[in-house]
Amino acid sequence: MNNVLELFRKITTFIIDVDGVLTDGTLLLMDNGIQARTMNVRDGFALQLAIKKGYRVMIISGGQSEQVVQRLEKLGIKEIQMSVLDKKAFIEEYKKKNNLSASEMLYMGDDLPDLPAMPVVSLSCCPADAAVEIRDMAIYVSPVKGGHGCVRDVIEKVLRLNDHWEYHPDVASR
């Protein structure tokens, strides 16, 4: 685990999937056609704190939901990419465009579309309830399920290891 903690210490960029990671993967089908999701407020707090501390936060999803985008924007996330079909190619291009090394990047996904993207970063993570193929490939499997604080788990580790885990009153809306 000490070697894994060293990987966490080097992270400057979080790349997070939506469905099954920021949400529990459940869709509530509404009469108006909207597919509603729930998100954990503690994940939201951790995302806001990471941004305030100068970390990059990129949200990437194969899906499309204006409600999800609005929620993430409210948290202060500016880098949100929806309808991404080839996450590996997207992350490779993002890494190149932003002059990042793999050792700075953490990716958290939960299902087969995330599999090709995981080797692009040095720290691939997943929630406890991720697909077995993802759990087998991940360097770190959170003990927390998707949509129940797994994002907070990985962000908190990085911030604590770098002495950045502290409350600021300006990080209020979750």
C-alpha atoms as a PDB file:
ATOM      1  CA  MET A   1       0.000   0.000   0.000  1.00  0.00           C
ATOM      2  CA  ASN A   2       2.931   2.379   0.615  1.00  0.00           C
ATOM      3  CA  ASN A   3       3.865   2.280  -3.080  1.00  0.00           C
ATOM      4  CA  VAL A   4       0.253   3.077  -3.972  1.00  0.00           C
ATOM      5  CA  LEU A   5       0.251   5.984  -1.519  1.00  0.00           C
ATOM      6  CA  GLU A   6       3.277   7.414  -3.336  1.00  0.00           C
ATOM      7  CA  LEU A   7       1.242   7.293  -6.565  1.00  0.00           C
ATOM      8  CA  PHE A   8      -1.534   9.255  -4.806  1.00  0.00           C
ATOM      9  CA  ARG A   9       0.975  11.868  -3.563  1.00  0.00           C
ATOM     10  CA  LYS A  10       2.031  12.762  -7.151  1.00  0.00           C
ATOM     11  CA  ILE A  11      -1.480  13.402  -8.500  1.00  0.00           C
ATOM     12  CA  THR A  12      -2.304  16.875  -9.819  1.00  0.00           C
ATOM     13  CA  THR A  13      -5.148  15.887 -12.162  1.00  0.00           C
ATOM     14  CA  PHE A  14      -8.341  13.951 -11.458  1.00  0.00           C
ATOM     15  CA  ILE A  15     -10.239  12.473 -14.404  1.00  0.00           C
ATOM     16  CA  ILE A  16     -13.573  11.123 -13.224  1.00  0.00           C
ATOM     17  CA  ASP A  17     -16.328   9.189 -14.993  1.00  0.00           C
ATOM     18  CA  VAL A  18     -19.961  10.038 -14.204  1.00  0.00           C
ATOM     19  CA  ASP A  19     -22.355   7.077 -14.250  1.00  0.00           C
ATOM     20  CA  GLY A  20     -21.318   4.434 -11.729  1.00  0.00           C
ATOM     21  CA  VAL A  21     -18.649   6.680 -10.183  1.00  0.00           C
ATOM     22  CA  LEU A  22     -20.173  10.085  -9.380  1.00  0.00           C
ATOM     23  CA  THR A  23     -23.549   8.330  -9.412  1.00  0.00           C
ATOM     24  CA  ASP A  24     -24.538   4.842  -8.312  1.00  0.00           C
ATOM     25  CA  GLY A  25     -25.440   3.994 -11.896  1.00  0.00           C
ATOM     26  CA  THR A  26     -29.176   4.081 -11.276  1.00  0.00           C
ATOM     27  CA  LEU A  27     -31.354   6.023 -13.707  1.00  0.00           C
ATOM     28  CA  LEU A  28     -34.773   7.288 -12.671  1.00  0.00           C
ATOM     29  CA  LEU A  29     -36.828   7.567 -15.869  1.00  0.00           C
ATOM     30  CA  MET A  30     -39.090  10.598 -15.628  1.00  0.00           C
ATOM     31  CA  ASP A  31     -42.342  11.166 -17.580  1.00  0.00           C
ATOM     32  CA  ASN A  32     -40.746  14.170 -19.309  1.00  0.00           C
ATOM     33  CA  GLY A  33     -37.960  11.989 -20.734  1.00  0.00           C
ATOM     34  CA  ILE A  34     -35.274  13.150 -18.305  1.00  0.00           C
ATOM     35  CA  GLN A  35     -33.101  10.410 -16.858  1.00  0.00           C
ATOM     36  CA  ALA A  36     -32.484  11.556 -13.283  1.00  0.00           C
ATOM     37  CA  ARG A  37     -29.405  10.581 -11.273  1.00  0.00           C
ATOM     38  CA  THR A  38     -28.275  11.184  -7.710  1.00  0.00           C
ATOM     39  CA  MET A  39     -24.843  12.412  -6.644  1.00  0.00           C
ATOM     40  CA  ASN A  40     -23.157  12.365  -3.263  1.00  0.00           C
ATOM     41  CA  VAL A  41     -22.652  15.764  -1.589  1.00  0.00           C
ATOM     42  CA  ARG A  42     -19.376  14.626  -0.016  1.00  0.00           C
ATOM     43  CA  ASP A  43     -18.009  13.885  -3.482  1.00  0.00           C
ATOM     44  CA  GLY A  44     -19.106  17.408  -4.419  1.00  0.00           C
ATOM     45  CA  PHE A  45     -17.305  18.937  -1.458  1.00  0.00           C
ATOM     46  CA  ALA A  46     -14.092  17.061  -2.274  1.00  0.00           C
ATOM     47  CA  LEU A  47     -14.255  18.098  -5.941  1.00  0.00           C
ATOM     48  CA  GLN A  48     -14.687  21.753  -4.930  1.00  0.00           C
ATOM     49  CA  LEU A  49     -11.828  21.572  -2.446  1.00  0.00           C
ATOM     50  CA  ALA A  50      -9.506  19.981  -5.009  1.00  0.00           C
ATOM     51  CA  ILE A  51     -10.252  22.812  -7.451  1.00  0.00           C
ATOM     52  CA  LYS A  52      -9.703  25.463  -4.750  1.00  0.00           C
ATOM     53  CA  LYS A  53      -6.346  23.853  -3.951  1.00  0.00           C
ATOM     54  CA  GLY A  54      -5.256  24.106  -7.584  1.00  0.00           C
ATOM     55  CA  TYR A  55      -5.820  20.555  -8.791  1.00  0.00           C
ATOM     56  CA  ARG A  56      -7.204  19.886 -12.262  1.00  0.00           C
ATOM     57  CA  VAL A  57     -10.584  18.177 -12.339  1.00  0.00           C
ATOM     58  CA  MET A  58     -11.837  16.719 -15.627  1.00  0.00           C
ATOM     59  CA  ILE A  59     -15.189  14.980 -15.836  1.00  0.00           C
ATOM     60  CA  ILE A  60     -15.587  12.603 -18.752  1.00  0.00           C
ATOM     61  CA  SER A  61     -18.647  10.592 -19.723  1.00  0.00           C
ATOM     62  CA  GLY A  62     -19.941   8.557 -22.594  1.00  0.00           C
ATOM     63  CA  GLY A  63     -23.427   9.777 -21.704  1.00  0.00           C
ATOM     64  CA  GLN A  64     -25.114  13.121 -22.143  1.00  0.00           C
ATOM     65  CA  SER A  65     -27.124  14.940 -19.491  1.00  0.00           C
ATOM     66  CA  GLU A  66     -27.630  18.679 -19.221  1.00  0.00           C
ATOM     67  CA  GLN A  67     -28.650  18.219 -15.578  1.00  0.00           C
ATOM     68  CA  VAL A  68     -25.322  16.515 -14.809  1.00  0.00           C
ATOM     69  CA  VAL A  69     -23.413  19.309 -16.577  1.00  0.00           C
ATOM     70  CA  GLN A  70     -25.334  21.950 -14.591  1.00  0.00           C
ATOM     71  CA  ARG A  71     -24.577  20.181 -11.297  1.00  0.00           C
ATOM     72  CA  LEU A  72     -20.874  19.894 -12.104  1.00  0.00           C
ATOM     73  CA  GLU A  73     -20.650  23.514 -13.250  1.00  0.00           C
ATOM     74  CA  LYS A  74     -22.290  24.585  -9.968  1.00  0.00           C
ATOM     75  CA  LEU A  75     -19.418  22.826  -8.185  1.00  0.00           C
ATOM     76  CA  GLY A  76     -16.947  24.963 -10.158  1.00  0.00           C
ATOM     77  CA  ILE A  77     -15.819  22.267 -12.590  1.00  0.00           C
ATOM     78  CA  LYS A  78     -14.951  23.837 -15.914  1.00  0.00           C
ATOM     79  CA  GLU A  79     -13.622  20.796 -17.764  1.00  0.00           C
ATOM     80  CA  ILE A  80     -16.642  18.598 -18.493  1.00  0.00           C
ATOM     81  CA  GLN A  81     -16.706  16.362 -21.546  1.00  0.00           C
ATOM     82  CA  MET A  82     -19.893  14.460 -22.320  1.00  0.00           C
ATOM     83  CA  SER A  83     -20.603  11.955 -25.136  1.00  0.00           C
ATOM     84  CA  VAL A  84     -16.954  10.829 -25.267  1.00  0.00           C
ATOM     85  CA  LEU A  85     -16.907   7.476 -27.049  1.00  0.00           C
ATOM     86  CA  ASP A  86     -13.137   6.875 -27.018  1.00  0.00           C
ATOM     87  CA  LYS A  87     -11.987   7.829 -23.525  1.00  0.00           C
ATOM     88  CA  LYS A  88      -8.452   6.531 -24.099  1.00  0.00           C
ATOM     89  CA  ALA A  89      -7.876   8.766 -27.136  1.00  0.00           C
ATOM     90  CA  PHE A  90      -9.489  11.715 -25.355  1.00  0.00           C
ATOM     91  CA  ILE A  91      -7.282  11.348 -22.263  1.00  0.00           C
ATOM     92  CA  GLU A  92      -4.140  10.890 -24.360  1.00  0.00           C
ATOM     93  CA  GLU A  93      -4.946  14.118 -26.227  1.00  0.00           C
ATOM     94  CA  TYR A  94      -5.797  15.918 -22.947  1.00  0.00           C
ATOM     95  CA  LYS A  95      -2.485  14.770 -21.470  1.00  0.00           C
ATOM     96  CA  LYS A  96      -0.552  16.029 -24.492  1.00  0.00           C
ATOM     97  CA  LYS A  97      -2.465  19.328 -24.759  1.00  0.00           C
ATOM     98  CA  ASN A  98      -1.907  20.124 -21.059  1.00  0.00           C
ATOM     99  CA  ASN A  99       1.699  18.861 -20.965  1.00  0.00           C
ATOM    100  CA  LEU A 100       0.897  16.311 -18.257  1.00  0.00           C
ATOM    101  CA  SER A 101       2.762  13.146 -17.403  1.00  0.00           C
ATOM    102  CA  ALA A 102       0.944   9.920 -16.581  1.00  0.00           C
ATOM    103  CA  SER A 103       2.342  10.097 -13.032  1.00  0.00           C
ATOM    104  CA  GLU A 104       0.277  13.256 -12.380  1.00  0.00           C
ATOM    105  CA  MET A 105      -3.013  11.731 -13.481  1.00  0.00           C
ATOM    106  CA  LEU A 106      -5.677   9.704 -11.677  1.00  0.00           C
ATOM    107  CA  TYR A 107      -8.552   8.144 -13.594  1.00  0.00           C
ATOM    108  CA  MET A 108     -11.628   6.669 -11.918  1.00  0.00           C
ATOM    109  CA  GLY A 109     -14.048   4.553 -13.915  1.00  0.00           C
ATOM    110  CA  ASP A 110     -16.372   1.651 -13.266  1.00  0.00           C
ATOM    111  CA  ASP A 111     -17.300  -0.263 -16.417  1.00  0.00           C
ATOM    112  CA  LEU A 112     -15.978  -1.733 -19.652  1.00  0.00           C
ATOM    113  CA  PRO A 113     -15.869   1.561 -21.633  1.00  0.00           C
ATOM    114  CA  ASP A 114     -13.330   2.759 -19.033  1.00  0.00           C
ATOM    115  CA  LEU A 115     -10.987  -0.200 -19.495  1.00  0.00           C
ATOM    116  CA  PRO A 116      -8.896   1.191 -22.409  1.00  0.00           C
ATOM    117  CA  ALA A 117      -8.398   4.522 -20.614  1.00  0.00           C
ATOM    118  CA  MET A 118      -6.982   3.072 -17.416  1.00  0.00           C
ATOM    119  CA  PRO A 119      -3.402   2.373 -18.638  1.00  0.00           C
ATOM    120  CA  VAL A 120      -3.045   5.963 -19.900  1.00  0.00           C
ATOM    121  CA  VAL A 121      -2.608   7.229 -16.317  1.00  0.00           C
ATOM    122  CA  SER A 122      -0.352   6.070 -13.501  1.00  0.00           C
ATOM    123  CA  LEU A 123      -3.163   5.713 -10.962  1.00  0.00           C
ATOM    124  CA  SER A 124      -6.262   3.942 -12.211  1.00  0.00           C
ATOM    125  CA  CYS A 125      -9.018   3.694  -9.618  1.00  0.00           C
ATOM    126  CA  CYS A 126     -12.536   2.349  -9.357  1.00  0.00           C
ATOM    127  CA  PRO A 127     -15.421   2.110  -6.899  1.00  0.00           C
ATOM    128  CA  ALA A 128     -15.957  -1.058  -4.856  1.00  0.00           C
ATOM    129  CA  ASP A 129     -18.871  -2.100  -7.064  1.00  0.00           C
ATOM    130  CA  ALA A 130     -17.120  -1.623 -10.425  1.00  0.00           C
ATOM    131  CA  ALA A 131     -17.234  -4.348 -13.058  1.00  0.00           C
ATOM    132  CA  VAL A 132     -14.864  -7.215 -12.272  1.00  0.00           C
ATOM    133  CA  GLU A 133     -12.636  -6.415 -15.274  1.00  0.00           C
ATOM    134  CA  ILE A 134     -12.193  -2.862 -13.995  1.00  0.00           C
ATOM    135  CA  ARG A 135     -11.463  -4.003 -10.440  1.00  0.00           C
ATOM    136  CA  ASP A 136      -8.867  -6.427 -11.800  1.00  0.00           C
ATOM    137  CA  MET A 137      -7.094  -3.675 -13.769  1.00  0.00           C
ATOM    138  CA  ALA A 138      -7.350  -0.862 -11.205  1.00  0.00           C
ATOM    139  CA  ILE A 139      -4.338  -0.040  -9.103  1.00  0.00           C
ATOM    140  CA  TYR A 140      -6.668   1.165  -6.342  1.00  0.00           C
ATOM    141  CA  VAL A 141     -10.152  -0.160  -5.617  1.00  0.00           C
ATOM    142  CA  SER A 142     -11.997   2.171  -3.277  1.00  0.00           C
ATOM    143  CA  PRO A 143     -13.829   0.432  -0.445  1.00  0.00           C
ATOM    144  CA  VAL A 144     -16.724   2.786  -1.260  1.00  0.00           C
ATOM    145  CA  LYS A 145     -19.374   2.155  -3.929  1.00  0.00           C
ATOM    146  CA  GLY A 146     -20.035   4.434  -6.880  1.00  0.00           C
ATOM    147  CA  GLY A 147     -22.269   7.404  -6.019  1.00  0.00           C
ATOM    148  CA  HIS A 148     -21.646   6.892  -2.300  1.00  0.00           C
ATOM    149  CA  GLY A 149     -18.374   8.774  -1.793  1.00  0.00           C
ATOM    150  CA  CYS A 150     -15.743   6.863  -3.797  1.00  0.00           C
ATOM    151  CA  VAL A 151     -14.648  10.116  -5.470  1.00  0.00           C
ATOM    152  CA  ARG A 152     -14.203  11.732  -2.076  1.00  0.00           C
ATOM    153  CA  ASP A 153     -12.137   8.717  -1.028  1.00  0.00           C
ATOM    154  CA  VAL A 154      -9.525   9.190  -3.764  1.00  0.00           C
ATOM    155  CA  ILE A 155      -9.485  12.996  -3.646  1.00  0.00           C
ATOM    156  CA  GLU A 156      -9.143  13.002   0.125  1.00  0.00           C
ATOM    157  CA  LYS A 157      -6.155  10.636  -0.080  1.00  0.00           C
ATOM    158  CA  VAL A 158      -4.355  12.924  -2.532  1.00  0.00           C
ATOM    159  CA  LEU A 159      -5.136  16.093  -0.620  1.00  0.00           C
ATOM    160  CA  ARG A 160      -4.226  14.622   2.780  1.00  0.00           C
ATOM    161  CA  LEU A 161      -0.898  13.274   1.482  1.00  0.00           C
ATOM    162  CA  ASN A 162      -0.099  16.770   0.188  1.00  0.00           C
ATOM    163  CA  ASP A 163      -1.339  18.637   3.291  1.00  0.00           C
ATOM    164  CA  HIS A 164      -4.232  20.198   1.344  1.00  0.00           C
ATOM    165  CA  TRP A 165      -7.145  18.595   3.196  1.00  0.00           C
ATOM    166  CA  GLU A 166      -8.610  21.466   5.197  1.00  0.00           C
ATOM    167  CA  TYR A 167     -11.947  23.229   5.237  1.00  0.00           C
ATOM    168  CA  HIS A 168     -12.384  26.699   3.799  1.00  0.00           C
ATOM    169  CA  PRO A 169     -15.654  28.602   4.221  1.00  0.00           C
ATOM    170  CA  ASP A 170     -15.608  29.541   0.512  1.00  0.00           C
ATOM    171  CA  VAL A 171     -16.157  25.855  -0.329  1.00  0.00           C
ATOM    172  CA  ALA A 172     -19.755  25.884   0.844  1.00  0.00           C
ATOM    173  CA  SER A 173     -22.201  24.667  -1.790  1.00  0.00           C
ATOM    174  CA  ARG A 174     -21.958  20.964  -2.334  1.00  0.00           C
END
